[in-house]
Structure formats: structure tokens, C-alpha cells
Amino acid sequence: MIKVRLMNGSQIVLNSDLIEFVESTPDTVISLSNGKKLMVLETVADVVERILDFRGRLGKRCSDLPPIQRTHEGLDERAI
């Protein structure tokens, strides 16, 4: 999830997994997989940086999880 500002200045939190592409027309337009388009105040570079930051934090959280261990039933579970 990333925060972006719409053209009217209001801030929204956007599921970055829904983004298909971001373009500069010269305004920044985010096209979503559901067909919607959002015009935002951030630059294309800002949007990309926020996506990378979010995914980096997500990856960090996943690396902090305990390793997956195999049980005698063959099911994976997290070691506690």
C-alpha cells in the first residue's frame, strides 16, 4: 500500500499490486488493473520509489519470520 495525493490534494492509500503502469502525460496517471485511472500530484519517479520502499519493507518483514519447518505429518508450519 502506498500513499498518493489526488489532483484535488486529498490523500489516498493505494494497493500497489493493482497498478499496471504509471505514465506522465505530463500529469502523472496511474492505470489500475480494474481499468480505473488515477491522476496524482506525485511524479512517476515518486510513485515508483514508494512502491519499491513498500515492497522492501514487506520483504524485510517476511525475512523476520521464523523459518518454515516440516512436521511429522508433512505440513509446513512456522516455528514458534
C-alpha atoms as a PDB file:
ATOM      1  CA  MET A   1       0.000   0.000   0.000  1.00  0.00           C
ATOM      2  CA  ILE A   2       1.310   3.426  -0.929  1.00  0.00           C
ATOM      3  CA  LYS A   3       0.076   6.928  -0.163  1.00  0.00           C
ATOM      4  CA  VAL A   4      -0.562   9.265  -3.082  1.00  0.00           C
ATOM      5  CA  ARG A   5      -2.275  12.634  -3.428  1.00  0.00           C
ATOM      6  CA  LEU A   6      -5.061  13.111  -5.937  1.00  0.00           C
ATOM      7  CA  MET A   7      -5.150  16.289  -8.009  1.00  0.00           C
ATOM      8  CA  ASN A   8      -7.565  17.909  -5.513  1.00  0.00           C
ATOM      9  CA  GLY A   9      -4.952  17.422  -2.765  1.00  0.00           C
ATOM     10  CA  SER A  10      -6.734  14.628  -0.922  1.00  0.00           C
ATOM     11  CA  GLN A  11      -4.547  11.726   0.123  1.00  0.00           C
ATOM     12  CA  ILE A  12      -5.435   8.095  -0.539  1.00  0.00           C
ATOM     13  CA  VAL A  13      -3.774   4.784   0.206  1.00  0.00           C
ATOM     14  CA  LEU A  14      -3.480   2.670  -2.937  1.00  0.00           C
ATOM     15  CA  ASN A  15      -2.925  -1.070  -3.246  1.00  0.00           C
ATOM     16  CA  SER A  16       0.228  -1.051  -5.367  1.00  0.00           C
ATOM     17  CA  ASP A  17      -0.482  -4.600  -6.566  1.00  0.00           C
ATOM     18  CA  LEU A  18      -3.319  -3.142  -8.670  1.00  0.00           C
ATOM     19  CA  ILE A  19      -1.009  -0.833 -10.638  1.00  0.00           C
ATOM     20  CA  GLU A  20      -0.486  -1.862 -14.266  1.00  0.00           C
ATOM     21  CA  PHE A  21       1.557   1.152 -15.298  1.00  0.00           C
ATOM     22  CA  VAL A  22       2.336   4.771 -14.442  1.00  0.00           C
ATOM     23  CA  GLU A  23       2.741   7.440 -17.089  1.00  0.00           C
ATOM     24  CA  SER A  24       3.475  11.135 -17.357  1.00  0.00           C
ATOM     25  CA  THR A  25       1.065  12.939 -19.714  1.00  0.00           C
ATOM     26  CA  PRO A  26       2.554  15.489 -18.351  1.00  0.00           C
ATOM     27  CA  ASP A  27       0.386  14.850 -15.261  1.00  0.00           C
ATOM     28  CA  THR A  28       1.087  11.537 -13.558  1.00  0.00           C
ATOM     29  CA  VAL A  29      -1.583   8.961 -14.373  1.00  0.00           C
ATOM     30  CA  ILE A  30      -1.733   5.598 -12.606  1.00  0.00           C
ATOM     31  CA  SER A  31      -3.598   2.905 -14.553  1.00  0.00           C
ATOM     32  CA  LEU A  32      -5.033   0.096 -12.454  1.00  0.00           C
ATOM     33  CA  SER A  33      -5.762  -3.498 -13.397  1.00  0.00           C
ATOM     34  CA  ASN A  34      -9.513  -2.873 -12.894  1.00  0.00           C
ATOM     35  CA  GLY A  35      -9.484  -0.265 -15.690  1.00  0.00           C
ATOM     36  CA  LYS A  36      -9.588   2.778 -13.405  1.00  0.00           C
ATOM     37  CA  LYS A  37      -7.129   5.614 -13.838  1.00  0.00           C
ATOM     38  CA  LEU A  38      -5.940   7.981 -11.122  1.00  0.00           C
ATOM     39  CA  MET A  39      -4.290  11.337 -11.758  1.00  0.00           C
ATOM     40  CA  VAL A  40      -1.931  12.152  -8.890  1.00  0.00           C
ATOM     41  CA  LEU A  41       0.346  15.013  -7.833  1.00  0.00           C
ATOM     42  CA  GLU A  42       3.426  12.795  -7.380  1.00  0.00           C
ATOM     43  CA  THR A  43       5.889  12.288 -10.231  1.00  0.00           C
ATOM     44  CA  VAL A  44       6.317   8.905 -11.899  1.00  0.00           C
ATOM     45  CA  ALA A  45       9.666   8.558 -10.083  1.00  0.00           C
ATOM     46  CA  ASP A  46       7.980   9.290  -6.717  1.00  0.00           C
ATOM     47  CA  VAL A  47       5.321   6.619  -7.319  1.00  0.00           C
ATOM     48  CA  VAL A  48       7.933   4.035  -8.332  1.00  0.00           C
ATOM     49  CA  GLU A  49      10.071   4.888  -5.283  1.00  0.00           C
ATOM     50  CA  ARG A  50       7.082   4.460  -2.956  1.00  0.00           C
ATOM     51  CA  ILE A  51       6.276   1.079  -4.495  1.00  0.00           C
ATOM     52  CA  LEU A  52       9.884  -0.080  -4.092  1.00  0.00           C
ATOM     53  CA  ASP A  53      10.010   1.205  -0.493  1.00  0.00           C
ATOM     54  CA  PHE A  54       6.755  -0.587   0.351  1.00  0.00           C
ATOM     55  CA  ARG A  55       7.883  -3.871  -1.199  1.00  0.00           C
ATOM     56  CA  GLY A  56      11.254  -3.576   0.524  1.00  0.00           C
ATOM     57  CA  ARG A  57       9.550  -3.143   3.907  1.00  0.00           C
ATOM     58  CA  LEU A  58       7.275  -6.078   3.112  1.00  0.00           C
ATOM     59  CA  GLY A  59      10.287  -8.235   2.228  1.00  0.00           C
ATOM     60  CA  LYS A  60      12.015  -7.182   5.464  1.00  0.00           C
ATOM     61  CA  ARG A  61       9.003  -8.249   7.488  1.00  0.00           C
ATOM     62  CA  CYS A  62       8.935 -11.624   5.741  1.00  0.00           C
ATOM     63  CA  SER A  63      12.635 -12.168   6.423  1.00  0.00           C
ATOM     64  CA  ASP A  64      11.970 -11.542  10.138  1.00  0.00           C
ATOM     65  CA  LEU A  65       9.563 -14.506  10.301  1.00  0.00           C
ATOM     66  CA  PRO A  66      10.860 -17.740  11.788  1.00  0.00           C
ATOM     67  CA  PRO A  67      11.846 -20.391   9.242  1.00  0.00           C
ATOM     68  CA  ILE A  68       9.266 -22.867   7.956  1.00  0.00           C
ATOM     69  CA  GLN A  69       9.750 -26.326   9.406  1.00  0.00           C
ATOM     70  CA  ARG A  70       8.360 -29.634   8.222  1.00  0.00           C
ATOM     71  CA  THR A  71       6.248 -31.515  10.775  1.00  0.00           C
ATOM     72  CA  HIS A  72       5.964 -35.274  11.002  1.00  0.00           C
ATOM     73  CA  GLU A  73       2.545 -35.007   9.263  1.00  0.00           C
ATOM     74  CA  GLY A  74       4.236 -33.369   6.280  1.00  0.00           C
ATOM     75  CA  LEU A  75       2.569 -29.986   6.782  1.00  0.00           C
ATOM     76  CA  ASP A  76       4.516 -26.747   6.829  1.00  0.00           C
ATOM     77  CA  GLU A  77       4.241 -24.584   9.924  1.00  0.00           C
ATOM     78  CA  ARG A  78       6.139 -21.669  11.337  1.00  0.00           C
ATOM     79  CA  ALA A  79       8.432 -22.442  14.252  1.00  0.00           C
ATOM     80  CA  ILE A  80       7.296 -20.605  17.357  1.00  0.00           C
END
